[in-house]
Structures are given as structure tokens and as C-alpha cells.
Amino acid sequence: MAFYLTHFSYTPETWARLIENPEDRREAARQYIESVGGKLHGFWYAFGTYDGYNLWEAPDNVSMAAVAIAISGGGALSKFETTVLLTVEETLDALRRARAVAYRKPGA
């Protein structure tokens, strides 16, 4: 399974609803990813560019995309970005495979 880091921000309306009715959103996030056979590894709120971060594990990119589309389409977020994470072993494999890529500089 692959790992994904998402960055999200709530809309002002969502923050107002959460102020009126505080809710632990980890359970909702867990249900979303488990519905595609994945796992939630972490859920954090933050100060700064994004309101929060999630660390997910999903069977494949399409499964994670389904979760991202469903969440984004829900209207509670103003931003939702996903970064595919590679393990060290996957990166080493990619480095080895890169040797076989016949890259040519532009204009060369």
C-alpha cells in the first residue's frame, strides 16, 4: 500500500459550525479511508498555510483519489492537496531505474 500526506483548510463556515458544535473529525477521516481499504495513520491541526494534515495509507492512487474527490466535493474545505509519499526503498529503486532513462537536456 502507498502512503499519502494531505494538507487541508476549512472554509470559514466550517470553522463556525465546529465552534458551535466541536467535533473530533478523526473518526470521519478514518471511515473515509477505510471505505477504500486504507488506513488513517495520523490527523493533526496546525497554524499556518493549512489548517490540518493527514497521513493516510491506501491500496493505490485511484483509491486515494476517490477519497480526495469525495472530501473535496463535500464543500467543507477551501483547500485539499495530496502528496504521494515514497519509502526510502522505493526511492532507492527509482534511483536505480533512473540510470536506464535516456534523459536529454532541452536544446541538446
PDB file of N, CA and C in Angstrom:
ATOM      1  N   MET A   1       0.844  -1.185   0.000  1.00  0.00           N
ATOM      2  CA  MET A   1       0.000   0.000   0.000  1.00  0.00           C
ATOM      3  C   MET A   1       0.884   1.242   0.000  1.00  0.00           C
ATOM      4  N   ALA A   2       0.350   2.310  -0.541  1.00  0.00           N
ATOM      5  CA  ALA A   2       1.079   3.571  -0.652  1.00  0.00           C
ATOM      6  C   ALA A   2       0.669   4.523   0.470  1.00  0.00           C
ATOM      7  N   PHE A   3       1.562   5.465   0.774  1.00  0.00           N
ATOM      8  CA  PHE A   3       1.300   6.483   1.782  1.00  0.00           C
ATOM      9  C   PHE A   3       1.042   7.827   1.117  1.00  0.00           C
ATOM     10  N   TYR A   4       0.176   8.622   1.750  1.00  0.00           N
ATOM     11  CA  TYR A   4      -0.216   9.922   1.213  1.00  0.00           C
ATOM     12  C   TYR A   4      -0.282  10.927   2.360  1.00  0.00           C
ATOM     13  N   LEU A   5       0.202  12.129   2.093  1.00  0.00           N
ATOM     14  CA  LEU A   5       0.098  13.229   3.032  1.00  0.00           C
ATOM     15  C   LEU A   5      -0.870  14.234   2.431  1.00  0.00           C
ATOM     16  N   THR A   6      -1.940  14.552   3.159  1.00  0.00           N
ATOM     17  CA  THR A   6      -2.852  15.579   2.669  1.00  0.00           C
ATOM     18  C   THR A   6      -2.744  16.809   3.548  1.00  0.00           C
ATOM     19  N   HIS A   7      -2.929  17.955   2.901  1.00  0.00           N
ATOM     20  CA  HIS A   7      -2.953  19.261   3.561  1.00  0.00           C
ATOM     21  C   HIS A   7      -4.342  19.817   3.279  1.00  0.00           C
ATOM     22  N   PHE A   8      -5.003  20.323   4.302  1.00  0.00           N
ATOM     23  CA  PHE A   8      -6.350  20.850   4.071  1.00  0.00           C
ATOM     24  C   PHE A   8      -6.589  22.119   4.862  1.00  0.00           C
ATOM     25  N   SER A   9      -7.557  22.889   4.384  1.00  0.00           N
ATOM     26  CA  SER A   9      -8.025  24.068   5.100  1.00  0.00           C
ATOM     27  C   SER A   9      -9.545  24.078   5.071  1.00  0.00           C
ATOM     28  N   TYR A  10     -10.135  24.408   6.198  1.00  0.00           N
ATOM     29  CA  TYR A  10     -11.581  24.513   6.291  1.00  0.00           C
ATOM     30  C   TYR A  10     -12.055  25.849   5.746  1.00  0.00           C
ATOM     31  N   THR A  11     -13.304  25.908   5.318  1.00  0.00           N
ATOM     32  CA  THR A  11     -13.916  27.185   4.962  1.00  0.00           C
ATOM     33  C   THR A  11     -14.259  27.910   6.262  1.00  0.00           C
ATOM     34  N   PRO A  12     -14.472  29.231   6.209  1.00  0.00           N
ATOM     35  CA  PRO A  12     -14.915  29.932   7.419  1.00  0.00           C
ATOM     36  C   PRO A  12     -16.232  29.370   7.966  1.00  0.00           C
ATOM     37  N   GLU A  13     -17.124  28.947   7.076  1.00  0.00           N
ATOM     38  CA  GLU A  13     -18.396  28.380   7.514  1.00  0.00           C
ATOM     39  C   GLU A  13     -18.183  27.080   8.295  1.00  0.00           C
ATOM     40  N   THR A  14     -17.229  26.275   7.860  1.00  0.00           N
ATOM     41  CA  THR A  14     -16.940  25.027   8.567  1.00  0.00           C
ATOM     42  C   THR A  14     -16.392  25.317   9.957  1.00  0.00           C
ATOM     43  N   TRP A  15     -15.465  26.282  10.046  1.00  0.00           N
ATOM     44  CA  TRP A  15     -14.953  26.654  11.367  1.00  0.00           C
ATOM     45  C   TRP A  15     -16.092  27.127  12.274  1.00  0.00           C
ATOM     46  N   ALA A  16     -17.017  27.916  11.730  1.00  0.00           N
ATOM     47  CA  ALA A  16     -18.140  28.411  12.535  1.00  0.00           C
ATOM     48  C   ALA A  16     -18.996  27.251  13.026  1.00  0.00           C
ATOM     49  N   ARG A  17     -19.249  26.246  12.175  1.00  0.00           N
ATOM     50  CA  ARG A  17     -20.024  25.070  12.596  1.00  0.00           C
ATOM     51  C   ARG A  17     -19.283  24.292  13.684  1.00  0.00           C
ATOM     52  N   LEU A  18     -17.956  24.184  13.546  1.00  0.00           N
ATOM     53  CA  LEU A  18     -17.176  23.454  14.553  1.00  0.00           C
ATOM     54  C   LEU A  18     -17.114  24.203  15.882  1.00  0.00           C
ATOM     55  N   ILE A  19     -17.135  25.522  15.829  1.00  0.00           N
ATOM     56  CA  ILE A  19     -17.181  26.309  17.068  1.00  0.00           C
ATOM     57  C   ILE A  19     -18.500  26.059  17.794  1.00  0.00           C
ATOM     58  N   GLU A  20     -19.588  26.045  17.034  1.00  0.00           N
ATOM     59  CA  GLU A  20     -20.914  25.806  17.617  1.00  0.00           C
ATOM     60  C   GLU A  20     -21.082  24.374  18.102  1.00  0.00           C
ATOM     61  N   ASN A  21     -20.452  23.438  17.402  1.00  0.00           N
ATOM     62  CA  ASN A  21     -20.589  22.023  17.734  1.00  0.00           C
ATOM     63  C   ASN A  21     -19.232  21.342  17.552  1.00  0.00           C
ATOM     64  N   PRO A  22     -18.309  21.489  18.524  1.00  0.00           N
ATOM     65  CA  PRO A  22     -16.982  20.882  18.385  1.00  0.00           C
ATOM     66  C   PRO A  22     -17.086  19.380  18.108  1.00  0.00           C
ATOM     67  N   GLU A  23     -16.288  18.931  17.151  1.00  0.00           N
ATOM     68  CA  GLU A  23     -16.349  17.537  16.712  1.00  0.00           C
ATOM     69  C   GLU A  23     -14.950  17.038  16.390  1.00  0.00           C
ATOM     70  N   ASP A  24     -14.635  15.848  16.847  1.00  0.00           N
ATOM     71  CA  ASP A  24     -13.370  15.188  16.522  1.00  0.00           C
ATOM     72  C   ASP A  24     -13.518  14.583  15.125  1.00  0.00           C
ATOM     73  N   ARG A  25     -12.864  15.169  14.135  1.00  0.00           N
ATOM     74  CA  ARG A  25     -13.016  14.748  12.741  1.00  0.00           C
ATOM     75  C   ARG A  25     -12.158  13.538  12.383  1.00  0.00           C
ATOM     76  N   ARG A  26     -11.352  13.050  13.322  1.00  0.00           N
ATOM     77  CA  ARG A  26     -10.539  11.860  13.036  1.00  0.00           C
ATOM     78  C   ARG A  26     -11.389  10.656  12.678  1.00  0.00           C
ATOM     79  N   GLU A  27     -12.497  10.469  13.364  1.00  0.00           N
ATOM     80  CA  GLU A  27     -13.336   9.299  13.085  1.00  0.00           C
ATOM     81  C   GLU A  27     -13.923   9.367  11.679  1.00  0.00           C
ATOM     82  N   ALA A  28     -14.348  10.537  11.266  1.00  0.00           N
ATOM     83  CA  ALA A  28     -14.866  10.688   9.902  1.00  0.00           C
ATOM     84  C   ALA A  28     -13.763  10.378   8.887  1.00  0.00           C
ATOM     85  N   ALA A  29     -12.574  10.919   9.112  1.00  0.00           N
ATOM     86  CA  ALA A  29     -11.452  10.662   8.197  1.00  0.00           C
ATOM     87  C   ALA A  29     -11.126   9.170   8.156  1.00  0.00           C
ATOM     88  N   ARG A  30     -11.143   8.523   9.295  1.00  0.00           N
ATOM     89  CA  ARG A  30     -10.862   7.084   9.376  1.00  0.00           C
ATOM     90  C   ARG A  30     -11.885   6.302   8.541  1.00  0.00           C
ATOM     91  N   GLN A  31     -13.150   6.661   8.661  1.00  0.00           N
ATOM     92  CA  GLN A  31     -14.196   5.974   7.903  1.00  0.00           C
ATOM     93  C   GLN A  31     -14.017   6.164   6.398  1.00  0.00           C
ATOM     94  N   TYR A  32     -13.627   7.368   5.987  1.00  0.00           N
ATOM     95  CA  TYR A  32     -13.436   7.633   4.551  1.00  0.00           C
ATOM     96  C   TYR A  32     -12.376   6.706   3.967  1.00  0.00           C
ATOM     97  N   ILE A  33     -11.224   6.633   4.608  1.00  0.00           N
ATOM     98  CA  ILE A  33     -10.120   5.852   4.041  1.00  0.00           C
ATOM     99  C   ILE A  33     -10.367   4.357   4.193  1.00  0.00           C
ATOM    100  N   GLU A  34     -10.992   3.942   5.272  1.00  0.00           N
ATOM    101  CA  GLU A  34     -11.286   2.520   5.451  1.00  0.00           C
ATOM    102  C   GLU A  34     -12.306   2.035   4.422  1.00  0.00           C
ATOM    103  N   SER A  35     -13.149   2.923   3.914  1.00  0.00           N
ATOM    104  CA  SER A  35     -14.141   2.528   2.914  1.00  0.00           C
ATOM    105  C   SER A  35     -13.502   2.089   1.597  1.00  0.00           C
ATOM    106  N   VAL A  36     -12.219   2.457   1.380  1.00  0.00           N
ATOM    107  CA  VAL A  36     -11.499   2.030   0.166  1.00  0.00           C
ATOM    108  C   VAL A  36     -10.389   1.041   0.511  1.00  0.00           C
ATOM    109  N   GLY A  37     -10.416   0.505   1.731  1.00  0.00           N
ATOM    110  CA  GLY A  37      -9.418  -0.482   2.137  1.00  0.00           C
ATOM    111  C   GLY A  37      -8.127   0.101   2.659  1.00  0.00           C
ATOM    112  N   GLY A  38      -8.151   1.375   3.078  1.00  0.00           N
ATOM    113  CA  GLY A  38      -6.951   2.038   3.566  1.00  0.00           C
ATOM    114  C   GLY A  38      -6.949   2.223   5.070  1.00  0.00           C
ATOM    115  N   LYS A  39      -6.009   3.033   5.540  1.00  0.00           N
ATOM    116  CA  LYS A  39      -5.836   3.269   6.975  1.00  0.00           C
ATOM    117  C   LYS A  39      -5.417   4.710   7.217  1.00  0.00           C
ATOM    118  N   LEU A  40      -5.965   5.305   8.268  1.00  0.00           N
ATOM    119  CA  LEU A  40      -5.559   6.636   8.705  1.00  0.00           C
ATOM    120  C   LEU A  40      -4.441   6.471   9.729  1.00  0.00           C
ATOM    121  N   HIS A  41      -3.279   7.072   9.465  1.00  0.00           N
ATOM    122  CA  HIS A  41      -2.147   6.965  10.386  1.00  0.00           C
ATOM    123  C   HIS A  41      -1.987   8.198  11.272  1.00  0.00           C
ATOM    124  N   GLY A  42      -2.596   9.304  10.874  1.00  0.00           N
ATOM    125  CA  GLY A  42      -2.462  10.495  11.700  1.00  0.00           C
ATOM    126  C   GLY A  42      -3.348  11.623  11.213  1.00  0.00           C
ATOM    127  N   PHE A  43      -3.730  12.493  12.140  1.00  0.00           N
ATOM    128  CA  PHE A  43      -4.594  13.643  11.856  1.00  0.00           C
ATOM    129  C   PHE A  43      -4.135  14.753  12.783  1.00  0.00           C
ATOM    130  N   TRP A  44      -3.672  15.858  12.204  1.00  0.00           N
ATOM    131  CA  TRP A  44      -3.157  16.972  13.001  1.00  0.00           C
ATOM    132  C   TRP A  44      -3.745  18.282  12.521  1.00  0.00           C
ATOM    133  N   TYR A  45      -3.976  19.190  13.462  1.00  0.00           N
ATOM    134  CA  TYR A  45      -4.316  20.572  13.126  1.00  0.00           C
ATOM    135  C   TYR A  45      -3.041  21.400  13.249  1.00  0.00           C
ATOM    136  N   ALA A  46      -3.016  22.554  12.558  1.00  0.00           N
ATOM    137  CA  ALA A  46      -1.785  23.335  12.506  1.00  0.00           C
ATOM    138  C   ALA A  46      -2.090  24.820  12.385  1.00  0.00           C
ATOM    139  N   PHE A  47      -1.090  25.617  12.669  1.00  0.00           N
ATOM    140  CA  PHE A  47      -1.110  27.046  12.385  1.00  0.00           C
ATOM    141  C   PHE A  47      -0.372  27.231  11.077  1.00  0.00           C
ATOM    142  N   GLY A  48      -0.763  28.183  10.273  1.00  0.00           N
ATOM    143  CA  GLY A  48      -0.003  28.449   9.061  1.00  0.00           C
ATOM    144  C   GLY A  48      -0.830  28.352   7.795  1.00  0.00           C
ATOM    145  N   THR A  49      -0.174  27.913   6.731  1.00  0.00           N
ATOM    146  CA  THR A  49      -0.791  27.872   5.407  1.00  0.00           C
ATOM    147  C   THR A  49      -2.002  26.962   5.361  1.00  0.00           C
ATOM    148  N   TYR A  50      -1.954  25.850   6.056  1.00  0.00           N
ATOM    149  CA  TYR A  50      -3.053  24.879   6.079  1.00  0.00           C
ATOM    150  C   TYR A  50      -3.575  24.720   7.499  1.00  0.00           C
ATOM    151  N   ASP A  51      -4.837  24.338   7.595  1.00  0.00           N
ATOM    152  CA  ASP A  51      -5.446  24.119   8.906  1.00  0.00           C
ATOM    153  C   ASP A  51      -5.116  22.748   9.473  1.00  0.00           C
ATOM    154  N   GLY A  52      -4.805  21.795   8.596  1.00  0.00           N
ATOM    155  CA  GLY A  52      -4.529  20.462   9.103  1.00  0.00           C
ATOM    156  C   GLY A  52      -3.838  19.573   8.100  1.00  0.00           C
ATOM    157  N   TYR A  53      -3.391  18.433   8.613  1.00  0.00           N
ATOM    158  CA  TYR A  53      -2.647  17.442   7.835  1.00  0.00           C
ATOM    159  C   TYR A  53      -3.127  16.049   8.214  1.00  0.00           C
ATOM    160  N   ASN A  54      -3.155  15.165   7.215  1.00  0.00           N
ATOM    161  CA  ASN A  54      -3.486  13.757   7.455  1.00  0.00           C
ATOM    162  C   ASN A  54      -2.406  12.891   6.834  1.00  0.00           C
ATOM    163  N   LEU A  55      -2.114  11.784   7.481  1.00  0.00           N
ATOM    164  CA  LEU A  55      -1.238  10.769   6.907  1.00  0.00           C
ATOM    165  C   LEU A  55      -2.096   9.533   6.698  1.00  0.00           C
ATOM    166  N   TRP A  56      -2.216   9.123   5.432  1.00  0.00           N
ATOM    167  CA  TRP A  56      -3.085   8.020   5.038  1.00  0.00           C
ATOM    168  C   TRP A  56      -2.269   6.916   4.389  1.00  0.00           C
ATOM    169  N   GLU A  57      -2.840   5.732   4.391  1.00  0.00           N
ATOM    170  CA  GLU A  57      -2.309   4.622   3.617  1.00  0.00           C
ATOM    171  C   GLU A  57      -3.483   4.093   2.792  1.00  0.00           C
ATOM    172  N   ALA A  58      -3.274   3.923   1.487  1.00  0.00           N
ATOM    173  CA  ALA A  58      -4.341   3.448   0.605  1.00  0.00           C
ATOM    174  C   ALA A  58      -3.777   2.391  -0.335  1.00  0.00           C
ATOM    175  N   PRO A  59      -4.649   1.510  -0.830  1.00  0.00           N
ATOM    176  CA  PRO A  59      -4.182   0.436  -1.703  1.00  0.00           C
ATOM    177  C   PRO A  59      -3.525   0.929  -2.992  1.00  0.00           C
ATOM    178  N   ASP A  60      -3.959   2.096  -3.497  1.00  0.00           N
ATOM    179  CA  ASP A  60      -3.429   2.599  -4.764  1.00  0.00           C
ATOM    180  C   ASP A  60      -3.861   4.050  -4.951  1.00  0.00           C
ATOM    181  N   ASN A  61      -3.333   4.679  -5.993  1.00  0.00           N
ATOM    182  CA  ASN A  61      -3.640   6.084  -6.264  1.00  0.00           C
ATOM    183  C   ASN A  61      -5.118   6.314  -6.545  1.00  0.00           C
ATOM    184  N   VAL A  62      -5.758   5.396  -7.239  1.00  0.00           N
ATOM    185  CA  VAL A  62      -7.169   5.565  -7.567  1.00  0.00           C
ATOM    186  C   VAL A  62      -8.021   5.555  -6.298  1.00  0.00           C
ATOM    187  N   SER A  63      -7.712   4.676  -5.366  1.00  0.00           N
ATOM    188  CA  SER A  63      -8.445   4.633  -4.098  1.00  0.00           C
ATOM    189  C   SER A  63      -8.289   5.940  -3.333  1.00  0.00           C
ATOM    190  N   MET A  64      -7.055   6.458  -3.262  1.00  0.00           N
ATOM    191  CA  MET A  64      -6.836   7.724  -2.562  1.00  0.00           C
ATOM    192  C   MET A  64      -7.506   8.861  -3.303  1.00  0.00           C
ATOM    193  N   ALA A  65      -7.472   8.825  -4.629  1.00  0.00           N
ATOM    194  CA  ALA A  65      -8.148   9.863  -5.413  1.00  0.00           C
ATOM    195  C   ALA A  65      -9.644   9.866  -5.132  1.00  0.00           C
ATOM    196  N   ALA A  66     -10.250   8.689  -4.984  1.00  0.00           N
ATOM    197  CA  ALA A  66     -11.678   8.604  -4.676  1.00  0.00           C
ATOM    198  C   ALA A  66     -11.991   9.293  -3.353  1.00  0.00           C
ATOM    199  N   VAL A  67     -11.151   9.056  -2.349  1.00  0.00           N
ATOM    200  CA  VAL A  67     -11.340   9.703  -1.052  1.00  0.00           C
ATOM    201  C   VAL A  67     -11.162  11.213  -1.189  1.00  0.00           C
ATOM    202  N   ALA A  68     -10.117  11.631  -1.884  1.00  0.00           N
ATOM    203  CA  ALA A  68      -9.851  13.063  -2.062  1.00  0.00           C
ATOM    204  C   ALA A  68     -10.993  13.758  -2.792  1.00  0.00           C
ATOM    205  N   ILE A  69     -11.523  13.117  -3.831  1.00  0.00           N
ATOM    206  CA  ILE A  69     -12.631  13.710  -4.590  1.00  0.00           C
ATOM    207  C   ILE A  69     -13.877  13.817  -3.717  1.00  0.00           C
ATOM    208  N   ALA A  70     -14.175  12.770  -2.969  1.00  0.00           N
ATOM    209  CA  ALA A  70     -15.351  12.793  -2.094  1.00  0.00           C
ATOM    210  C   ALA A  70     -15.232  13.894  -1.044  1.00  0.00           C
ATOM    211  N   ILE A  71     -14.064  13.996  -0.420  1.00  0.00           N
ATOM    212  CA  ILE A  71     -13.865  15.026   0.610  1.00  0.00           C
ATOM    213  C   ILE A  71     -13.923  16.418  -0.016  1.00  0.00           C
ATOM    214  N   SER A  72     -13.226  16.609  -1.119  1.00  0.00           N
ATOM    215  CA  SER A  72     -13.201  17.920  -1.780  1.00  0.00           C
ATOM    216  C   SER A  72     -14.589  18.344  -2.243  1.00  0.00           C
ATOM    217  N   GLY A  73     -15.372  17.373  -2.707  1.00  0.00           N
ATOM    218  CA  GLY A  73     -16.707  17.678  -3.195  1.00  0.00           C
ATOM    219  C   GLY A  73     -17.718  17.953  -2.104  1.00  0.00           C
ATOM    220  N   GLY A  74     -17.341  17.699  -0.860  1.00  0.00           N
ATOM    221  CA  GLY A  74     -18.261  17.890   0.257  1.00  0.00           C
ATOM    222  C   GLY A  74     -18.526  19.337   0.628  1.00  0.00           C
ATOM    223  N   GLY A  75     -17.649  20.243   0.210  1.00  0.00           N
ATOM    224  CA  GLY A  75     -17.871  21.660   0.448  1.00  0.00           C
ATOM    225  C   GLY A  75     -17.381  22.221   1.766  1.00  0.00           C
ATOM    226  N   ALA A  76     -16.824  21.394   2.657  1.00  0.00           N
ATOM    227  CA  ALA A  76     -16.374  21.885   3.966  1.00  0.00           C
ATOM    228  C   ALA A  76     -14.961  22.454   3.922  1.00  0.00           C
ATOM    229  N   LEU A  77     -14.245  22.175   2.835  1.00  0.00           N
ATOM    230  CA  LEU A  77     -12.846  22.601   2.744  1.00  0.00           C
ATOM    231  C   LEU A  77     -12.645  23.653   1.662  1.00  0.00           C
ATOM    232  N   SER A  78     -11.719  24.559   1.924  1.00  0.00           N
ATOM    233  CA  SER A  78     -11.335  25.526   0.895  1.00  0.00           C
ATOM    234  C   SER A  78     -10.107  25.046   0.131  1.00  0.00           C
ATOM    235  N   LYS A  79      -9.317  24.144   0.734  1.00  0.00           N
ATOM    236  CA  LYS A  79      -8.131  23.563   0.096  1.00  0.00           C
ATOM    237  C   LYS A  79      -8.000  22.119   0.522  1.00  0.00           C
ATOM    238  N   PHE A  80      -7.566  21.280  -0.429  1.00  0.00           N
ATOM    239  CA  PHE A  80      -7.267  19.877  -0.125  1.00  0.00           C
ATOM    240  C   PHE A  80      -6.222  19.429  -1.133  1.00  0.00           C
ATOM    241  N   GLU A  81      -5.018  19.196  -0.672  1.00  0.00           N
ATOM    242  CA  GLU A  81      -3.920  18.799  -1.550  1.00  0.00           C
ATOM    243  C   GLU A  81      -3.328  17.495  -1.053  1.00  0.00           C
ATOM    244  N   THR A  82      -2.963  16.632  -1.996  1.00  0.00           N
ATOM    245  CA  THR A  82      -2.427  15.319  -1.659  1.00  0.00           C
ATOM    246  C   THR A  82      -1.026  15.162  -2.219  1.00  0.00           C
ATOM    247  N   THR A  83      -0.120  14.676  -1.396  1.00  0.00           N
ATOM    248  CA  THR A  83       1.247  14.367  -1.807  1.00  0.00           C
ATOM    249  C   THR A  83       1.458  12.869  -1.656  1.00  0.00           C
ATOM    250  N   VAL A  84       1.873  12.217  -2.742  1.00  0.00           N
ATOM    251  CA  VAL A  84       2.194  10.794  -2.681  1.00  0.00           C
ATOM    252  C   VAL A  84       3.572  10.675  -2.037  1.00  0.00           C
ATOM    253  N   LEU A  85       3.684   9.832  -1.020  1.00  0.00           N
ATOM    254  CA  LEU A  85       4.955   9.647  -0.317  1.00  0.00           C
ATOM    255  C   LEU A  85       5.617   8.350  -0.771  1.00  0.00           C
ATOM    256  N   LEU A  86       6.928   8.388  -0.932  1.00  0.00           N
ATOM    257  CA  LEU A  86       7.709   7.203  -1.283  1.00  0.00           C
ATOM    258  C   LEU A  86       8.530   6.769  -0.079  1.00  0.00           C
ATOM    259  N   THR A  87       8.623   5.468   0.117  1.00  0.00           N
ATOM    260  CA  THR A  87       9.513   4.968   1.159  1.00  0.00           C
ATOM    261  C   THR A  87      10.960   5.146   0.692  1.00  0.00           C
ATOM    262  N   VAL A  88      11.892   4.992   1.594  1.00  0.00           N
ATOM    263  CA  VAL A  88      13.306   5.055   1.227  1.00  0.00           C
ATOM    264  C   VAL A  88      13.617   3.964   0.205  1.00  0.00           C
ATOM    265  N   GLU A  89      13.061   2.780   0.423  1.00  0.00           N
ATOM    266  CA  GLU A  89      13.310   1.671  -0.504  1.00  0.00           C
ATOM    267  C   GLU A  89      12.766   1.976  -1.900  1.00  0.00           C
ATOM    268  N   GLU A  90      11.581   2.562  -1.973  1.00  0.00           N
ATOM    269  CA  GLU A  90      11.020   2.942  -3.278  1.00  0.00           C
ATOM    270  C   GLU A  90      11.878   3.994  -3.962  1.00  0.00           C
ATOM    271  N   THR A  91      12.390   4.942  -3.186  1.00  0.00           N
ATOM    272  CA  THR A  91      13.247   5.978  -3.760  1.00  0.00           C
ATOM    273  C   THR A  91      14.545   5.377  -4.272  1.00  0.00           C
ATOM    274  N   LEU A  92      15.127   4.447  -3.518  1.00  0.00           N
ATOM    275  CA  LEU A  92      16.348   3.777  -3.994  1.00  0.00           C
ATOM    276  C   LEU A  92      16.086   3.014  -5.284  1.00  0.00           C
ATOM    277  N   ASP A  93      14.942   2.358  -5.370  1.00  0.00           N
ATOM    278  CA  ASP A  93      14.577   1.654  -6.595  1.00  0.00           C
ATOM    279  C   ASP A  93      14.440   2.640  -7.750  1.00  0.00           C
ATOM    280  N   ALA A  94      13.796   3.777  -7.504  1.00  0.00           N
ATOM    281  CA  ALA A  94      13.652   4.799  -8.537  1.00  0.00           C
ATOM    282  C   ALA A  94      15.011   5.334  -8.984  1.00  0.00           C
ATOM    283  N   LEU A  95      15.914   5.524  -8.039  1.00  0.00           N
ATOM    284  CA  LEU A  95      17.259   5.992  -8.395  1.00  0.00           C
ATOM    285  C   LEU A  95      17.966   4.993  -9.298  1.00  0.00           C
ATOM    286  N   ARG A  96      17.838   3.714  -8.984  1.00  0.00           N
ATOM    287  CA  ARG A  96      18.458   2.691  -9.826  1.00  0.00           C
ATOM    288  C   ARG A  96      17.838   2.680 -11.223  1.00  0.00           C
ATOM    289  N   ARG A  97      16.511   2.779 -11.279  1.00  0.00           N
ATOM    290  CA  ARG A  97      15.821   2.786 -12.568  1.00  0.00           C
ATOM    291  C   ARG A  97      16.139   4.034 -13.384  1.00  0.00           C
ATOM    292  N   ALA A  98      16.443   5.134 -12.698  1.00  0.00           N
ATOM    293  CA  ALA A  98      16.747   6.390 -13.393  1.00  0.00           C
ATOM    294  C   ALA A  98      17.969   6.252 -14.295  1.00  0.00           C
ATOM    295  N   ARG A  99      18.872   5.343 -13.954  1.00  0.00           N
ATOM    296  CA  ARG A  99      20.059   5.124 -14.790  1.00  0.00           C
ATOM    297  C   ARG A  99      19.677   4.687 -16.206  1.00  0.00           C
ATOM    298  N   ALA A 100      18.549   4.002 -16.349  1.00  0.00           N
ATOM    299  CA  ALA A 100      18.134   3.490 -17.665  1.00  0.00           C
ATOM    300  C   ALA A 100      17.336   4.514 -18.477  1.00  0.00           C
ATOM    301  N   VAL A 101      17.001   5.649 -17.874  1.00  0.00           N
ATOM    302  CA  VAL A 101      16.242   6.677 -18.587  1.00  0.00           C
ATOM    303  C   VAL A 101      17.212   7.514 -19.418  1.00  0.00           C
ATOM    304  N   ALA A 102      16.964   7.588 -20.690  1.00  0.00           N
ATOM    305  CA  ALA A 102      17.855   8.332 -21.598  1.00  0.00           C
ATOM    306  C   ALA A 102      17.434   9.804 -21.650  1.00  0.00           C
ATOM    307  N   TYR A 103      17.694  10.512 -20.572  1.00  0.00           N
ATOM    308  CA  TYR A 103      17.330  11.934 -20.496  1.00  0.00           C
ATOM    309  C   TYR A 103      18.251  12.760 -21.388  1.00  0.00           C
ATOM    310  N   ARG A 104      17.650  13.752 -22.043  1.00  0.00           N
ATOM    311  CA  ARG A 104      18.399  14.681 -22.878  1.00  0.00           C
ATOM    312  C   ARG A 104      18.004  16.103 -22.456  1.00  0.00           C
ATOM    313  N   LYS A 105      18.999  16.941 -22.186  1.00  0.00           N
ATOM    314  CA  LYS A 105      18.728  18.329 -21.810  1.00  0.00           C
ATOM    315  C   LYS A 105      18.014  19.040 -22.954  1.00  0.00           C
ATOM    316  N   PRO A 106      17.106  19.971 -22.616  1.00  0.00           N
ATOM    317  CA  PRO A 106      16.451  20.732 -23.671  1.00  0.00           C
ATOM    318  C   PRO A 106      17.481  21.461 -24.542  1.00  0.00           C
ATOM    319  N   GLY A 107      17.287  21.377 -25.826  1.00  0.00           N
ATOM    320  CA  GLY A 107      18.186  22.058 -26.761  1.00  0.00           C
ATOM    321  C   GLY A 107      19.484  21.337 -27.035  1.00  0.00           C
ATOM    322  N   ALA A 108      19.705  20.194 -26.402  1.00  0.00           N
ATOM    323  CA  ALA A 108      20.975  19.470 -26.588  1.00  0.00           C
ATOM    324  C   ALA A 108      20.868  18.477 -27.740  1.00  0.00           C
TER     325      ALA A 108
END
